[in-house]
Amino acid sequence: MARARQVKINTNLIGLTQSYLSYFSPDYLFFNGDSNLRHSPPGIGELYVYELLTVVLGVFYLLKNGGNPRSILLLWLFLYPLPAALTGETSAVRSLIGSSIFSIISACGITYVIVQLKLRNKLLINTIVFFLLTFSISIFWNYYFVKYPLNSAINWDYGYREAIEYAQKSSYKCVVFSSDTDSQCFAVHGFSVLIPFYIQYPPAQYQLSPIPLSIKESRANTYSLNKYKLMPIFKHNQFNDQCLYILRPHEISTLTEKGYTWNEVHTIKDSNGTEYFKLMEISRKY
C-alpha cells in the first residue's frame, strides 16, 4: 500500500491515453527507449531497429490471418501497456511483459517475409538472420557496456560507496553528510539503505534505532547512525573540525561565501573525471 500511494494511479483520461499510446511510439520502441537511465541505455530503443519492419509485418500477418491463437497475440499486444500506462510516463521496467509479445510478432513478420518472397534456401535465410542479429547485438553491446557506464553513474548513486569506504578506513570518529545534498533524498535513501549496507551495520542494532519519520519528511533534523551523521550543515554557525564532511562539489561555494576555512581531503570522481563528492575538513568560523 505504501508503494501504491507513492506511485499513484493516473486517473486523467487524456493523460492515461497519451501514456498508453507512448508505449507504441517508434521513438520509445526503436530509437531512444526509456529516458530513465536506471532502466535503459541512452540513444537506443527497447527493441532492435530491424524489428521496426518485422513487427509491422508481423501485425499485418496476424490481422490478415484470423483465428483464436492469432487473436490472443493481438489482444496481448493491445493490453501489454495498460498496467504501466496507469502509472504515468513510459517505463521499460513496468512494460517488460511486452518483450515476449514483440519477439513473437517479430518472428511472425520474418516468417511472413520468407513466405511472400518464397525463400527456400535455408542457408540464405539463416545467414541473413544471423547478420541482422549480430549487427543489432553489436550496437547494443557498444551502448550498454561502453557508453552506458559513462553516462549513468549518477543515476546509480555513484560515489556513495567510495565515500563511505574511504570514511570507514579513515581515523575520523565523526563523518557528516549534508542533508542539503540532493534535497531530502539522501536522508531516506542513504541512511536507511546505503550506509547500513556498506558499513555492514547489524540489522538488529539498526532496528533499535530506525530512521524517524520526521527525518524523512524534513531536512531540518539531525540523525546519527554509528559514527555517521546527517544534518543541515549550512544552518549551523560552526563546524566540528574533528569531523570529516562529505559534500557535493557545488556546495563548496557556500563554504567560501560563509567564510569557513576548509581542506580538501579526498575527491570522488567517475571514469569521465566528473566529481561527485568532496571529502573535507572544515575549520570553525571565528
C-alpha atoms as a PDB file:
ATOM      1  CA  MET A   1       0.000   0.000   0.000  1.00  0.00           C
ATOM      2  CA  ALA A   2       2.861   2.376   0.766  1.00  0.00           C
ATOM      3  CA  ARG A   3       4.300   1.739  -2.694  1.00  0.00           C
ATOM      4  CA  ALA A   4       0.855   2.231  -4.261  1.00  0.00           C
ATOM      5  CA  ARG A   5       0.482   5.607  -2.557  1.00  0.00           C
ATOM      6  CA  GLN A   6       3.949   6.641  -3.730  1.00  0.00           C
ATOM      7  CA  VAL A   7       3.449   5.664  -7.377  1.00  0.00           C
ATOM      8  CA  LYS A   8      -0.212   6.727  -7.669  1.00  0.00           C
ATOM      9  CA  ILE A   9      -2.634   5.887 -10.454  1.00  0.00           C
ATOM     10  CA  ASN A  10      -3.189   8.129 -13.459  1.00  0.00           C
ATOM     11  CA  THR A  11      -6.931   8.839 -13.417  1.00  0.00           C
ATOM     12  CA  ASN A  12      -6.892  11.596 -16.037  1.00  0.00           C
ATOM     13  CA  LEU A  13      -8.386  10.098 -19.215  1.00  0.00           C
ATOM     14  CA  ILE A  14      -6.347  12.272 -21.589  1.00  0.00           C
ATOM     15  CA  GLY A  15      -3.139  11.640 -19.660  1.00  0.00           C
ATOM     16  CA  LEU A  16      -3.872   7.925 -19.489  1.00  0.00           C
ATOM     17  CA  THR A  17      -4.495   7.782 -23.252  1.00  0.00           C
ATOM     18  CA  GLN A  18      -1.282   9.657 -24.017  1.00  0.00           C
ATOM     19  CA  SER A  19       0.681   7.399 -21.690  1.00  0.00           C
ATOM     20  CA  TYR A  20      -0.852   4.279 -23.263  1.00  0.00           C
ATOM     21  CA  LEU A  21      -0.044   5.406 -26.816  1.00  0.00           C
ATOM     22  CA  SER A  22       3.523   6.325 -25.841  1.00  0.00           C
ATOM     23  CA  TYR A  23       4.260   2.607 -25.434  1.00  0.00           C
ATOM     24  CA  PHE A  24       3.641   2.163 -29.161  1.00  0.00           C
ATOM     25  CA  SER A  25       5.744   5.184 -30.112  1.00  0.00           C
ATOM     26  CA  PRO A  26       8.564   4.373 -32.592  1.00  0.00           C
ATOM     27  CA  ASP A  27      10.798   6.693 -30.585  1.00  0.00           C
ATOM     28  CA  TYR A  28      10.266   4.603 -27.452  1.00  0.00           C
ATOM     29  CA  LEU A  29      10.313   1.192 -29.109  1.00  0.00           C
ATOM     30  CA  PHE A  30      13.116   1.569 -31.653  1.00  0.00           C
ATOM     31  CA  PHE A  31      15.207   4.711 -31.197  1.00  0.00           C
ATOM     32  CA  ASN A  32      15.519   6.232 -27.713  1.00  0.00           C
ATOM     33  CA  GLY A  33      13.673   3.951 -25.308  1.00  0.00           C
ATOM     34  CA  ASP A  34      13.097   4.785 -21.661  1.00  0.00           C
ATOM     35  CA  SER A  35      14.617   8.153 -20.715  1.00  0.00           C
ATOM     36  CA  ASN A  36      15.350   6.902 -17.181  1.00  0.00           C
ATOM     37  CA  LEU A  37      18.976   5.760 -17.270  1.00  0.00           C
ATOM     38  CA  ARG A  38      18.309   3.280 -14.489  1.00  0.00           C
ATOM     39  CA  HIS A  39      16.056   1.411 -16.914  1.00  0.00           C
ATOM     40  CA  SER A  40      17.707   1.717 -20.304  1.00  0.00           C
ATOM     41  CA  PRO A  41      20.899   2.908 -22.049  1.00  0.00           C
ATOM     42  CA  PRO A  42      20.515   6.308 -23.757  1.00  0.00           C
ATOM     43  CA  GLY A  43      20.032   6.563 -27.509  1.00  0.00           C
ATOM     44  CA  ILE A  44      18.732   3.054 -28.057  1.00  0.00           C
ATOM     45  CA  GLY A  45      15.205   1.683 -28.238  1.00  0.00           C
ATOM     46  CA  GLU A  46      13.614  -1.147 -26.314  1.00  0.00           C
ATOM     47  CA  LEU A  47      13.597  -3.268 -29.487  1.00  0.00           C
ATOM     48  CA  TYR A  48      16.167  -3.767 -32.234  1.00  0.00           C
ATOM     49  CA  VAL A  49      15.858  -1.296 -35.107  1.00  0.00           C
ATOM     50  CA  TYR A  50      15.268  -4.021 -37.718  1.00  0.00           C
ATOM     51  CA  GLU A  51      12.150  -5.005 -35.764  1.00  0.00           C
ATOM     52  CA  LEU A  52      10.537  -1.789 -36.951  1.00  0.00           C
ATOM     53  CA  LEU A  53       9.933  -3.724 -40.172  1.00  0.00           C
ATOM     54  CA  THR A  54       9.358  -7.202 -38.780  1.00  0.00           C
ATOM     55  CA  VAL A  55       6.898  -6.078 -36.085  1.00  0.00           C
ATOM     56  CA  VAL A  56       4.805  -4.107 -38.589  1.00  0.00           C
ATOM     57  CA  LEU A  57       4.766  -7.061 -40.982  1.00  0.00           C
ATOM     58  CA  GLY A  58       4.001  -9.395 -38.099  1.00  0.00           C
ATOM     59  CA  VAL A  59       0.945  -7.353 -37.069  1.00  0.00           C
ATOM     60  CA  PHE A  60      -0.192  -7.277 -40.694  1.00  0.00           C
ATOM     61  CA  TYR A  61       0.236 -11.052 -40.884  1.00  0.00           C
ATOM     62  CA  LEU A  62      -1.834 -11.593 -37.724  1.00  0.00           C
ATOM     63  CA  LEU A  63      -4.599  -9.267 -38.924  1.00  0.00           C
ATOM     64  CA  LYS A  64      -4.668 -10.934 -42.327  1.00  0.00           C
ATOM     65  CA  ASN A  65      -4.842 -14.442 -40.928  1.00  0.00           C
ATOM     66  CA  GLY A  66      -7.509 -14.656 -38.244  1.00  0.00           C
ATOM     67  CA  GLY A  67      -8.123 -17.398 -35.719  1.00  0.00           C
ATOM     68  CA  ASN A  68      -8.057 -17.814 -31.968  1.00  0.00           C
ATOM     69  CA  PRO A  69      -4.260 -18.163 -31.491  1.00  0.00           C
ATOM     70  CA  ARG A  70      -3.592 -15.028 -33.518  1.00  0.00           C
ATOM     71  CA  SER A  71      -6.394 -13.134 -31.768  1.00  0.00           C
ATOM     72  CA  ILE A  72      -4.796 -13.924 -28.426  1.00  0.00           C
ATOM     73  CA  LEU A  73      -1.486 -12.463 -29.630  1.00  0.00           C
ATOM     74  CA  LEU A  74      -3.182  -9.270 -30.827  1.00  0.00           C
ATOM     75  CA  LEU A  75      -5.073  -8.989 -27.529  1.00  0.00           C
ATOM     76  CA  TRP A  76      -1.792  -9.411 -25.660  1.00  0.00           C
ATOM     77  CA  LEU A  77      -0.235  -6.641 -27.761  1.00  0.00           C
ATOM     78  CA  PHE A  78      -3.238  -4.391 -27.107  1.00  0.00           C
ATOM     79  CA  LEU A  79      -3.176  -4.947 -23.339  1.00  0.00           C
ATOM     80  CA  TYR A  80       0.578  -5.007 -22.648  1.00  0.00           C
ATOM     81  CA  PRO A  81       0.987  -1.246 -21.942  1.00  0.00           C
ATOM     82  CA  LEU A  82      -2.119  -0.860 -19.790  1.00  0.00           C
ATOM     83  CA  PRO A  83      -0.700  -1.592 -16.300  1.00  0.00           C
ATOM     84  CA  ALA A  84       2.349   0.591 -16.977  1.00  0.00           C
ATOM     85  CA  ALA A  85       0.269   3.383 -18.543  1.00  0.00           C
ATOM     86  CA  LEU A  86      -1.752   3.676 -15.335  1.00  0.00           C
ATOM     87  CA  THR A  87       1.326   4.961 -13.509  1.00  0.00           C
ATOM     88  CA  GLY A  88       2.309   7.689 -15.979  1.00  0.00           C
ATOM     89  CA  GLU A  89       5.468   8.047 -18.064  1.00  0.00           C
ATOM     90  CA  THR A  90       6.936   5.274 -20.187  1.00  0.00           C
ATOM     91  CA  SER A  91       8.869   2.729 -18.166  1.00  0.00           C
ATOM     92  CA  ALA A  92      10.849  -0.170 -19.598  1.00  0.00           C
ATOM     93  CA  VAL A  93      10.601  -1.954 -16.256  1.00  0.00           C
ATOM     94  CA  ARG A  94       6.825  -1.734 -15.938  1.00  0.00           C
ATOM     95  CA  SER A  95       6.285  -2.722 -19.572  1.00  0.00           C
ATOM     96  CA  LEU A  96       8.704  -5.659 -19.520  1.00  0.00           C
ATOM     97  CA  ILE A  97       5.839  -8.043 -20.220  1.00  0.00           C
ATOM     98  CA  GLY A  98       5.765  -6.603 -23.756  1.00  0.00           C
ATOM     99  CA  SER A  99       9.185  -8.031 -24.649  1.00  0.00           C
ATOM    100  CA  SER A 100       7.725 -11.503 -25.219  1.00  0.00           C
ATOM    101  CA  ILE A 101       4.848 -10.445 -27.435  1.00  0.00           C
ATOM    102  CA  PHE A 102       7.068  -8.223 -29.591  1.00  0.00           C
ATOM    103  CA  SER A 103       9.507 -11.121 -30.058  1.00  0.00           C
ATOM    104  CA  ILE A 104       6.682 -13.420 -31.153  1.00  0.00           C
ATOM    105  CA  ILE A 105       5.205 -10.830 -33.520  1.00  0.00           C
ATOM    106  CA  SER A 106       8.651 -10.063 -34.937  1.00  0.00           C
ATOM    107  CA  ALA A 107       9.116 -13.784 -35.631  1.00  0.00           C
ATOM    108  CA  CYS A 108       5.733 -13.787 -37.390  1.00  0.00           C
ATOM    109  CA  GLY A 109       6.951 -10.889 -39.521  1.00  0.00           C
ATOM    110  CA  ILE A 110      10.110 -12.755 -40.509  1.00  0.00           C
ATOM    111  CA  THR A 111       8.010 -15.797 -41.374  1.00  0.00           C
ATOM    112  CA  TYR A 112       5.710 -13.629 -43.479  1.00  0.00           C
ATOM    113  CA  VAL A 113       8.678 -12.256 -45.455  1.00  0.00           C
ATOM    114  CA  ILE A 114      10.024 -15.766 -46.061  1.00  0.00           C
ATOM    115  CA  VAL A 115       6.628 -16.979 -47.294  1.00  0.00           C
ATOM    116  CA  GLN A 116       5.936 -13.967 -49.508  1.00  0.00           C
ATOM    117  CA  LEU A 117       9.362 -13.994 -51.127  1.00  0.00           C
ATOM    118  CA  LYS A 118       9.234 -17.773 -51.423  1.00  0.00           C
ATOM    119  CA  LEU A 119      12.642 -18.117 -49.899  1.00  0.00           C
ATOM    120  CA  ARG A 120      13.550 -21.794 -49.720  1.00  0.00           C
ATOM    121  CA  ASN A 121      17.289 -21.556 -49.313  1.00  0.00           C
ATOM    122  CA  LYS A 122      17.713 -22.200 -45.586  1.00  0.00           C
ATOM    123  CA  LEU A 123      21.375 -21.229 -45.667  1.00  0.00           C
ATOM    124  CA  LEU A 124      20.492 -17.826 -47.136  1.00  0.00           C
ATOM    125  CA  ILE A 125      17.717 -17.278 -44.587  1.00  0.00           C
ATOM    126  CA  ASN A 126      19.913 -18.286 -41.655  1.00  0.00           C
ATOM    127  CA  THR A 127      22.750 -16.087 -42.921  1.00  0.00           C
ATOM    128  CA  ILE A 128      20.513 -13.008 -43.196  1.00  0.00           C
ATOM    129  CA  VAL A 129      19.032 -13.564 -39.735  1.00  0.00           C
ATOM    130  CA  PHE A 130      22.493 -14.194 -38.275  1.00  0.00           C
ATOM    131  CA  PHE A 131      23.908 -10.935 -39.640  1.00  0.00           C
ATOM    132  CA  LEU A 132      20.846  -8.953 -38.550  1.00  0.00           C
ATOM    133  CA  LEU A 133      21.135 -10.272 -35.013  1.00  0.00           C
ATOM    134  CA  THR A 134      24.921  -9.905 -34.890  1.00  0.00           C
ATOM    135  CA  PHE A 135      24.749  -6.305 -36.101  1.00  0.00           C
ATOM    136  CA  SER A 136      21.963  -5.404 -33.655  1.00  0.00           C
ATOM    137  CA  ILE A 137      23.614  -7.102 -30.688  1.00  0.00           C
ATOM    138  CA  SER A 138      26.920  -5.374 -31.511  1.00  0.00           C
ATOM    139  CA  ILE A 139      25.216  -1.980 -31.402  1.00  0.00           C
ATOM    140  CA  PHE A 140      23.527  -2.828 -28.109  1.00  0.00           C
ATOM    141  CA  TRP A 141      26.806  -4.138 -26.683  1.00  0.00           C
ATOM    142  CA  ASN A 142      28.522  -0.836 -27.515  1.00  0.00           C
ATOM    143  CA  TYR A 143      25.743   1.243 -25.955  1.00  0.00           C
ATOM    144  CA  TYR A 144      25.389  -0.915 -22.853  1.00  0.00           C
ATOM    145  CA  PHE A 145      28.983  -1.819 -21.982  1.00  0.00           C
ATOM    146  CA  VAL A 146      30.877   1.194 -23.391  1.00  0.00           C
ATOM    147  CA  LYS A 147      28.648   4.287 -23.440  1.00  0.00           C
ATOM    148  CA  TYR A 148      26.173   3.459 -20.690  1.00  0.00           C
ATOM    149  CA  PRO A 149      28.650   3.309 -17.766  1.00  0.00           C
ATOM    150  CA  LEU A 150      29.980   6.736 -18.750  1.00  0.00           C
ATOM    151  CA  ASN A 151      26.538   8.356 -18.759  1.00  0.00           C
ATOM    152  CA  SER A 152      24.614   6.634 -15.995  1.00  0.00           C
ATOM    153  CA  ALA A 153      26.900   6.837 -12.962  1.00  0.00           C
ATOM    154  CA  ILE A 154      24.881   9.480 -11.142  1.00  0.00           C
ATOM    155  CA  ASN A 155      21.640   7.575 -11.727  1.00  0.00           C
ATOM    156  CA  TRP A 156      23.079   4.635  -9.808  1.00  0.00           C
ATOM    157  CA  ASP A 157      24.202   6.762  -6.839  1.00  0.00           C
ATOM    158  CA  TYR A 158      27.828   6.596  -7.884  1.00  0.00           C
ATOM    159  CA  GLY A 159      30.197   7.929  -5.274  1.00  0.00           C
ATOM    160  CA  TYR A 160      28.356   6.965  -2.103  1.00  0.00           C
ATOM    161  CA  ARG A 161      30.121   3.617  -1.771  1.00  0.00           C
ATOM    162  CA  GLU A 162      33.527   5.154  -2.470  1.00  0.00           C
ATOM    163  CA  ALA A 163      32.917   7.977   0.016  1.00  0.00           C
ATOM    164  CA  ILE A 164      31.665   5.637   2.748  1.00  0.00           C
ATOM    165  CA  GLU A 165      34.507   3.153   2.216  1.00  0.00           C
ATOM    166  CA  TYR A 166      37.046   5.978   2.464  1.00  0.00           C
ATOM    167  CA  ALA A 167      35.412   7.233   5.659  1.00  0.00           C
ATOM    168  CA  GLN A 168      35.386   3.716   7.128  1.00  0.00           C
ATOM    169  CA  LYS A 169      39.118   3.307   6.562  1.00  0.00           C
ATOM    170  CA  SER A 170      39.928   6.756   7.936  1.00  0.00           C
ATOM    171  CA  SER A 171      40.639   7.647  11.558  1.00  0.00           C
ATOM    172  CA  TYR A 172      37.790  10.169  11.768  1.00  0.00           C
ATOM    173  CA  LYS A 173      35.413   9.493  14.648  1.00  0.00           C
ATOM    174  CA  CYS A 174      32.701  11.633  13.088  1.00  0.00           C
ATOM    175  CA  VAL A 175      31.515  11.679   9.467  1.00  0.00           C
ATOM    176  CA  VAL A 176      28.886  14.205   8.392  1.00  0.00           C
ATOM    177  CA  PHE A 177      26.700  14.121   5.299  1.00  0.00           C
ATOM    178  CA  SER A 178      24.860  17.279   4.354  1.00  0.00           C
ATOM    179  CA  SER A 179      21.080  16.876   4.242  1.00  0.00           C
ATOM    180  CA  ASP A 180      21.138  19.889   1.908  1.00  0.00           C
ATOM    181  CA  THR A 181      22.613  17.489  -0.665  1.00  0.00           C
ATOM    182  CA  ASP A 182      20.110  16.018  -3.136  1.00  0.00           C
ATOM    183  CA  SER A 183      17.160  17.543  -1.281  1.00  0.00           C
ATOM    184  CA  GLN A 184      15.919  15.016   1.287  1.00  0.00           C
ATOM    185  CA  CYS A 185      16.760  12.043  -0.931  1.00  0.00           C
ATOM    186  CA  PHE A 186      19.878  11.093   0.974  1.00  0.00           C
ATOM    187  CA  ALA A 187      18.078  11.214   4.309  1.00  0.00           C
ATOM    188  CA  VAL A 188      15.750   8.490   3.107  1.00  0.00           C
ATOM    189  CA  HIS A 189      17.954   6.529   0.734  1.00  0.00           C
ATOM    190  CA  GLY A 190      21.444   6.977   2.096  1.00  0.00           C
ATOM    191  CA  PHE A 191      20.906   6.487   5.779  1.00  0.00           C
ATOM    192  CA  SER A 192      18.251   3.812   5.522  1.00  0.00           C
ATOM    193  CA  VAL A 193      19.974   1.805   2.768  1.00  0.00           C
ATOM    194  CA  LEU A 194      23.461   2.756   1.647  1.00  0.00           C
ATOM    195  CA  ILE A 195      25.267   3.457   4.905  1.00  0.00           C
ATOM    196  CA  PRO A 196      23.966   0.369   6.768  1.00  0.00           C
ATOM    197  CA  PHE A 197      24.770  -1.755   3.713  1.00  0.00           C
ATOM    198  CA  TYR A 198      28.307  -0.544   3.091  1.00  0.00           C
ATOM    199  CA  ILE A 199      29.379  -0.481   6.746  1.00  0.00           C
ATOM    200  CA  GLN A 200      27.644  -3.835   7.356  1.00  0.00           C
ATOM    201  CA  TYR A 201      25.662  -2.386  10.215  1.00  0.00           C
ATOM    202  CA  PRO A 202      23.953  -5.147  12.259  1.00  0.00           C
ATOM    203  CA  PRO A 203      20.228  -5.281  11.354  1.00  0.00           C
ATOM    204  CA  ALA A 204      19.224  -5.983  14.950  1.00  0.00           C
ATOM    205  CA  GLN A 205      21.092  -2.890  16.101  1.00  0.00           C
ATOM    206  CA  TYR A 206      19.550  -0.750  13.360  1.00  0.00           C
ATOM    207  CA  GLN A 207      16.063  -1.885  14.322  1.00  0.00           C
ATOM    208  CA  LEU A 208      16.625  -0.496  17.799  1.00  0.00           C
ATOM    209  CA  SER A 209      17.048   2.962  16.296  1.00  0.00           C
ATOM    210  CA  PRO A 210      15.312   3.152  12.892  1.00  0.00           C
ATOM    211  CA  ILE A 211      15.324   6.370  10.922  1.00  0.00           C
ATOM    212  CA  PRO A 212      12.479   8.525  12.286  1.00  0.00           C
ATOM    213  CA  LEU A 213       9.646   9.632  10.030  1.00  0.00           C
ATOM    214  CA  SER A 214      10.449  13.267  10.869  1.00  0.00           C
ATOM    215  CA  ILE A 215      13.878  12.869   9.241  1.00  0.00           C
ATOM    216  CA  LYS A 216      12.315  11.514   6.077  1.00  0.00           C
ATOM    217  CA  GLU A 217       9.934  14.445   5.834  1.00  0.00           C
ATOM    218  CA  SER A 218      12.205  17.327   6.808  1.00  0.00           C
ATOM    219  CA  ARG A 219      15.781  18.390   6.135  1.00  0.00           C
ATOM    220  CA  ALA A 220      15.863  20.443   9.329  1.00  0.00           C
ATOM    221  CA  ASN A 221      16.535  17.481  11.612  1.00  0.00           C
ATOM    222  CA  THR A 222      19.676  15.571  12.536  1.00  0.00           C
ATOM    223  CA  TYR A 223      20.086  11.801  12.585  1.00  0.00           C
ATOM    224  CA  SER A 224      23.056   9.677  13.651  1.00  0.00           C
ATOM    225  CA  LEU A 225      23.988   6.118  12.759  1.00  0.00           C
ATOM    226  CA  ASN A 226      27.217   4.747  14.174  1.00  0.00           C
ATOM    227  CA  LYS A 227      29.810   7.470  13.501  1.00  0.00           C
ATOM    228  CA  TYR A 228      27.783   8.903  10.620  1.00  0.00           C
ATOM    229  CA  LYS A 229      25.573  11.936  10.986  1.00  0.00           C
ATOM    230  CA  LEU A 230      23.053  13.530   8.656  1.00  0.00           C
ATOM    231  CA  MET A 231      22.424  17.216   9.264  1.00  0.00           C
ATOM    232  CA  PRO A 232      21.664  20.524   7.515  1.00  0.00           C
ATOM    233  CA  ILE A 233      25.223  21.763   7.913  1.00  0.00           C
ATOM    234  CA  PHE A 234      24.722  25.206   6.392  1.00  0.00           C
ATOM    235  CA  LYS A 235      22.140  26.086   9.036  1.00  0.00           C
ATOM    236  CA  HIS A 236      24.826  25.741  11.714  1.00  0.00           C
ATOM    237  CA  ASN A 237      27.119  28.635  12.555  1.00  0.00           C
ATOM    238  CA  GLN A 238      30.060  26.410  13.448  1.00  0.00           C
ATOM    239  CA  PHE A 239      31.599  23.204  12.183  1.00  0.00           C
ATOM    240  CA  ASN A 240      33.308  20.494  14.201  1.00  0.00           C
ATOM    241  CA  ASP A 241      36.894  20.430  12.973  1.00  0.00           C
ATOM    242  CA  GLN A 242      37.250  16.847  14.226  1.00  0.00           C
ATOM    243  CA  CYS A 243      34.739  15.557  11.660  1.00  0.00           C
ATOM    244  CA  LEU A 244      35.019  14.544   8.028  1.00  0.00           C
ATOM    245  CA  TYR A 245      32.397  16.311   5.901  1.00  0.00           C
ATOM    246  CA  ILE A 246      31.097  14.772   2.685  1.00  0.00           C
ATOM    247  CA  LEU A 247      29.698  17.394   0.312  1.00  0.00           C
ATOM    248  CA  ARG A 248      28.700  17.782  -3.296  1.00  0.00           C
ATOM    249  CA  PRO A 249      31.123  19.941  -5.343  1.00  0.00           C
ATOM    250  CA  HIS A 250      28.528  22.702  -5.806  1.00  0.00           C
ATOM    251  CA  GLU A 251      28.242  23.085  -2.021  1.00  0.00           C
ATOM    252  CA  ILE A 252      31.854  24.220  -1.677  1.00  0.00           C
ATOM    253  CA  SER A 253      30.960  27.725  -2.846  1.00  0.00           C
ATOM    254  CA  THR A 254      28.654  28.056   0.170  1.00  0.00           C
ATOM    255  CA  LEU A 255      31.590  27.376   2.488  1.00  0.00           C
ATOM    256  CA  THR A 256      33.569  30.127   0.806  1.00  0.00           C
ATOM    257  CA  GLU A 257      30.655  32.560   0.980  1.00  0.00           C
ATOM    258  CA  LYS A 258      30.225  31.921   4.707  1.00  0.00           C
ATOM    259  CA  GLY A 259      33.921  32.446   5.339  1.00  0.00           C
ATOM    260  CA  TYR A 260      34.855  28.967   6.571  1.00  0.00           C
ATOM    261  CA  THR A 261      38.336  27.526   6.206  1.00  0.00           C
ATOM    262  CA  TRP A 262      38.389  24.105   4.622  1.00  0.00           C
ATOM    263  CA  ASN A 263      40.856  21.480   3.491  1.00  0.00           C
ATOM    264  CA  GLU A 264      40.041  19.004   0.737  1.00  0.00           C
ATOM    265  CA  VAL A 265      40.998  15.509   1.885  1.00  0.00           C
ATOM    266  CA  HIS A 266      39.730  13.393  -0.992  1.00  0.00           C
ATOM    267  CA  THR A 267      37.585  13.711  -4.137  1.00  0.00           C
ATOM    268  CA  ILE A 268      35.298  11.045  -5.567  1.00  0.00           C
ATOM    269  CA  LYS A 269      35.340  11.028  -9.394  1.00  0.00           C
ATOM    270  CA  ASP A 270      33.980   8.725 -12.071  1.00  0.00           C
ATOM    271  CA  SER A 271      35.862   7.421 -15.110  1.00  0.00           C
ATOM    272  CA  ASN A 272      34.961  10.610 -17.001  1.00  0.00           C
ATOM    273  CA  GLY A 273      36.645  12.742 -14.365  1.00  0.00           C
ATOM    274  CA  THR A 274      33.294  14.112 -13.174  1.00  0.00           C
ATOM    275  CA  GLU A 275      33.391  14.971  -9.471  1.00  0.00           C
ATOM    276  CA  TYR A 276      30.593  13.584  -7.297  1.00  0.00           C
ATOM    277  CA  PHE A 277      31.730  14.162  -3.728  1.00  0.00           C
ATOM    278  CA  LYS A 278      34.381  16.152  -1.924  1.00  0.00           C
ATOM    279  CA  LEU A 279      35.563  14.921   1.460  1.00  0.00           C
ATOM    280  CA  MET A 280      36.514  17.916   3.559  1.00  0.00           C
ATOM    281  CA  GLU A 281      37.928  19.041   6.870  1.00  0.00           C
ATOM    282  CA  ILE A 282      36.178  22.275   7.811  1.00  0.00           C
ATOM    283  CA  SER A 283      37.555  24.661  10.403  1.00  0.00           C
ATOM    284  CA  ARG A 284      35.421  26.676  12.784  1.00  0.00           C
ATOM    285  CA  LYS A 285      34.371  30.190  11.893  1.00  0.00           C
ATOM    286  CA  TYR A 286      35.650  32.739  14.402  1.00  0.00           C
END
